[in-house]
């Protein structure tokens, strides 16, 4: 199974301390961390089809956890380095409708 991921960068405006029992072991001045968020786009191997029940709610993240727990399958991610917008909120859906007018395909 593959999931499209969205790089999300967090810039910390201060030094981050690495500590152990109140002792500073090292520090990083104003670091940036990149996390990968679920982009809500999935690619499934046909072998997973039997794990998805028809006519019943089954969240994609439940399937992701199932794949992670099983050792015979892998869950991989593919970072999207292009335009992406979550349209789960009405105002974001409206924004997407406006944005698409200005995209060149």
C-alpha atoms as a PDB file:
ATOM      1  CA  UNK A   1       0.000   0.000   0.000  1.00  0.00           C
ATOM      2  CA  UNK A   2       1.210   3.500  -0.774  1.00  0.00           C
ATOM      3  CA  UNK A   3      -0.029   6.791   0.594  1.00  0.00           C
ATOM      4  CA  UNK A   4       0.596  10.218  -0.886  1.00  0.00           C
ATOM      5  CA  UNK A   5       2.238  12.367   1.747  1.00  0.00           C
ATOM      6  CA  UNK A   6       2.437  16.098   2.181  1.00  0.00           C
ATOM      7  CA  UNK A   7       5.719  17.537   3.501  1.00  0.00           C
ATOM      8  CA  UNK A   8       4.997  19.799   6.440  1.00  0.00           C
ATOM      9  CA  UNK A   9       7.889  21.934   7.673  1.00  0.00           C
ATOM     10  CA  UNK A  10       7.987  23.186  11.244  1.00  0.00           C
ATOM     11  CA  UNK A  11      10.439  26.015  11.911  1.00  0.00           C
ATOM     12  CA  UNK A  12      11.326  26.404  15.569  1.00  0.00           C
ATOM     13  CA  UNK A  13      12.342  30.023  16.261  1.00  0.00           C
ATOM     14  CA  UNK A  14      14.501  29.090  19.262  1.00  0.00           C
ATOM     15  CA  UNK A  15      17.303  26.667  20.090  1.00  0.00           C
ATOM     16  CA  UNK A  16      16.019  23.166  20.842  1.00  0.00           C
ATOM     17  CA  UNK A  17      17.756  21.396  23.683  1.00  0.00           C
ATOM     18  CA  UNK A  18      18.393  17.659  23.748  1.00  0.00           C
ATOM     19  CA  UNK A  19      18.305  16.759  27.435  1.00  0.00           C
ATOM     20  CA  UNK A  20      18.759  13.753  29.657  1.00  0.00           C
ATOM     21  CA  UNK A  21      17.727  14.070  33.304  1.00  0.00           C
ATOM     22  CA  UNK A  22      18.133  17.886  33.249  1.00  0.00           C
ATOM     23  CA  UNK A  23      21.560  17.711  31.587  1.00  0.00           C
ATOM     24  CA  UNK A  24      21.844  19.336  28.161  1.00  0.00           C
ATOM     25  CA  UNK A  25      23.479  16.830  25.815  1.00  0.00           C
ATOM     26  CA  UNK A  26      23.316  19.018  22.694  1.00  0.00           C
ATOM     27  CA  UNK A  27      21.279  21.779  21.153  1.00  0.00           C
ATOM     28  CA  UNK A  28      20.151  22.829  17.693  1.00  0.00           C
ATOM     29  CA  UNK A  29      19.817  26.522  16.923  1.00  0.00           C
ATOM     30  CA  UNK A  30      16.518  27.380  15.214  1.00  0.00           C
ATOM     31  CA  UNK A  31      16.011  23.978  13.582  1.00  0.00           C
ATOM     32  CA  UNK A  32      13.553  23.039  10.872  1.00  0.00           C
ATOM     33  CA  UNK A  33      11.822  19.675  11.003  1.00  0.00           C
ATOM     34  CA  UNK A  34      10.013  18.084   8.086  1.00  0.00           C
ATOM     35  CA  UNK A  35       7.110  15.782   8.864  1.00  0.00           C
ATOM     36  CA  UNK A  36       5.069  13.891   6.303  1.00  0.00           C
ATOM     37  CA  UNK A  37       1.286  14.098   6.665  1.00  0.00           C
ATOM     38  CA  UNK A  38      -1.317  11.822   5.132  1.00  0.00           C
ATOM     39  CA  UNK A  39      -2.462  13.396   1.863  1.00  0.00           C
ATOM     40  CA  UNK A  40      -5.587  11.215   1.616  1.00  0.00           C
ATOM     41  CA  UNK A  41      -4.574   9.580  -1.688  1.00  0.00           C
ATOM     42  CA  UNK A  42      -3.983   5.833  -1.559  1.00  0.00           C
ATOM     43  CA  UNK A  43      -2.728   3.115  -3.898  1.00  0.00           C
ATOM     44  CA  UNK A  44      -3.606  -0.427  -2.934  1.00  0.00           C
ATOM     45  CA  UNK A  45      -2.146  -3.740  -3.951  1.00  0.00           C
ATOM     46  CA  UNK A  46      -4.919  -6.040  -5.163  1.00  0.00           C
ATOM     47  CA  UNK A  47      -3.997  -8.485  -2.380  1.00  0.00           C
ATOM     48  CA  UNK A  48      -5.513  -6.044   0.150  1.00  0.00           C
ATOM     49  CA  UNK A  49      -8.936  -6.084  -1.494  1.00  0.00           C
ATOM     50  CA  UNK A  50     -10.209  -8.828   0.812  1.00  0.00           C
ATOM     51  CA  UNK A  51      -9.413  -6.734   3.884  1.00  0.00           C
ATOM     52  CA  UNK A  52     -11.863  -4.021   2.874  1.00  0.00           C
ATOM     53  CA  UNK A  53     -15.415  -5.062   3.703  1.00  0.00           C
ATOM     54  CA  UNK A  54     -18.123  -4.056   1.278  1.00  0.00           C
ATOM     55  CA  UNK A  55     -21.187  -2.180   2.533  1.00  0.00           C
ATOM     56  CA  UNK A  56     -19.457  -1.248   5.779  1.00  0.00           C
ATOM     57  CA  UNK A  57     -17.488   1.779   6.952  1.00  0.00           C
ATOM     58  CA  UNK A  58     -13.761   1.114   6.894  1.00  0.00           C
ATOM     59  CA  UNK A  59     -11.411   4.053   7.336  1.00  0.00           C
ATOM     60  CA  UNK A  60      -8.295   4.124   5.147  1.00  0.00           C
ATOM     61  CA  UNK A  61      -6.193   4.757   8.242  1.00  0.00           C
ATOM     62  CA  UNK A  62      -7.493   1.477   9.703  1.00  0.00           C
ATOM     63  CA  UNK A  63      -6.197  -0.270   6.600  1.00  0.00           C
ATOM     64  CA  UNK A  64      -2.883   1.560   6.946  1.00  0.00           C
ATOM     65  CA  UNK A  65      -2.551   0.275  10.520  1.00  0.00           C
ATOM     66  CA  UNK A  66      -3.442  -3.242   9.375  1.00  0.00           C
ATOM     67  CA  UNK A  67      -0.705  -3.115   6.732  1.00  0.00           C
ATOM     68  CA  UNK A  68       1.847  -1.815   9.258  1.00  0.00           C
ATOM     69  CA  UNK A  69       0.940  -4.549  11.755  1.00  0.00           C
ATOM     70  CA  UNK A  70       1.316  -7.299   9.173  1.00  0.00           C
ATOM     71  CA  UNK A  71       4.870  -8.212   8.317  1.00  0.00           C
ATOM     72  CA  UNK A  72       4.131  -9.531   4.801  1.00  0.00           C
ATOM     73  CA  UNK A  73       3.005  -6.120   3.493  1.00  0.00           C
ATOM     74  CA  UNK A  74       4.595  -2.675   3.543  1.00  0.00           C
ATOM     75  CA  UNK A  75       3.150   0.790   3.791  1.00  0.00           C
ATOM     76  CA  UNK A  76       5.211   3.286   1.825  1.00  0.00           C
ATOM     77  CA  UNK A  77       4.713   6.982   1.175  1.00  0.00           C
ATOM     78  CA  UNK A  78       5.249   9.152  -1.848  1.00  0.00           C
ATOM     79  CA  UNK A  79       5.764  12.858  -1.086  1.00  0.00           C
ATOM     80  CA  UNK A  80       3.683  15.224  -3.195  1.00  0.00           C
ATOM     81  CA  UNK A  81       5.864  18.188  -4.094  1.00  0.00           C
ATOM     82  CA  UNK A  82       3.149  20.043  -5.956  1.00  0.00           C
ATOM     83  CA  UNK A  83      -0.113  21.853  -5.261  1.00  0.00           C
ATOM     84  CA  UNK A  84      -2.297  20.065  -2.730  1.00  0.00           C
ATOM     85  CA  UNK A  85      -5.175  21.311  -0.600  1.00  0.00           C
ATOM     86  CA  UNK A  86      -7.343  19.469   1.917  1.00  0.00           C
ATOM     87  CA  UNK A  87     -10.989  20.067   0.956  1.00  0.00           C
ATOM     88  CA  UNK A  88     -12.526  18.611   4.109  1.00  0.00           C
ATOM     89  CA  UNK A  89     -13.882  21.993   5.234  1.00  0.00           C
ATOM     90  CA  UNK A  90     -16.384  23.985   3.149  1.00  0.00           C
ATOM     91  CA  UNK A  91     -14.149  27.085   3.025  1.00  0.00           C
ATOM     92  CA  UNK A  92     -11.234  24.970   1.745  1.00  0.00           C
ATOM     93  CA  UNK A  93     -13.450  23.434  -0.939  1.00  0.00           C
ATOM     94  CA  UNK A  94     -14.439  26.942  -2.059  1.00  0.00           C
ATOM     95  CA  UNK A  95     -10.760  27.939  -2.118  1.00  0.00           C
ATOM     96  CA  UNK A  96      -9.975  24.884  -4.285  1.00  0.00           C
ATOM     97  CA  UNK A  97     -12.691  25.939  -6.735  1.00  0.00           C
ATOM     98  CA  UNK A  98     -11.015  29.343  -7.062  1.00  0.00           C
ATOM     99  CA  UNK A  99      -7.481  27.944  -7.195  1.00  0.00           C
ATOM    100  CA  UNK A 100      -8.261  25.550 -10.046  1.00  0.00           C
ATOM    101  CA  UNK A 101      -9.223  28.485 -12.253  1.00  0.00           C
ATOM    102  CA  UNK A 102      -5.594  29.655 -12.099  1.00  0.00           C
ATOM    103  CA  UNK A 103      -3.751  26.349 -12.482  1.00  0.00           C
ATOM    104  CA  UNK A 104      -2.112  25.451 -15.752  1.00  0.00           C
ATOM    105  CA  UNK A 105      -2.179  21.730 -16.544  1.00  0.00           C
END
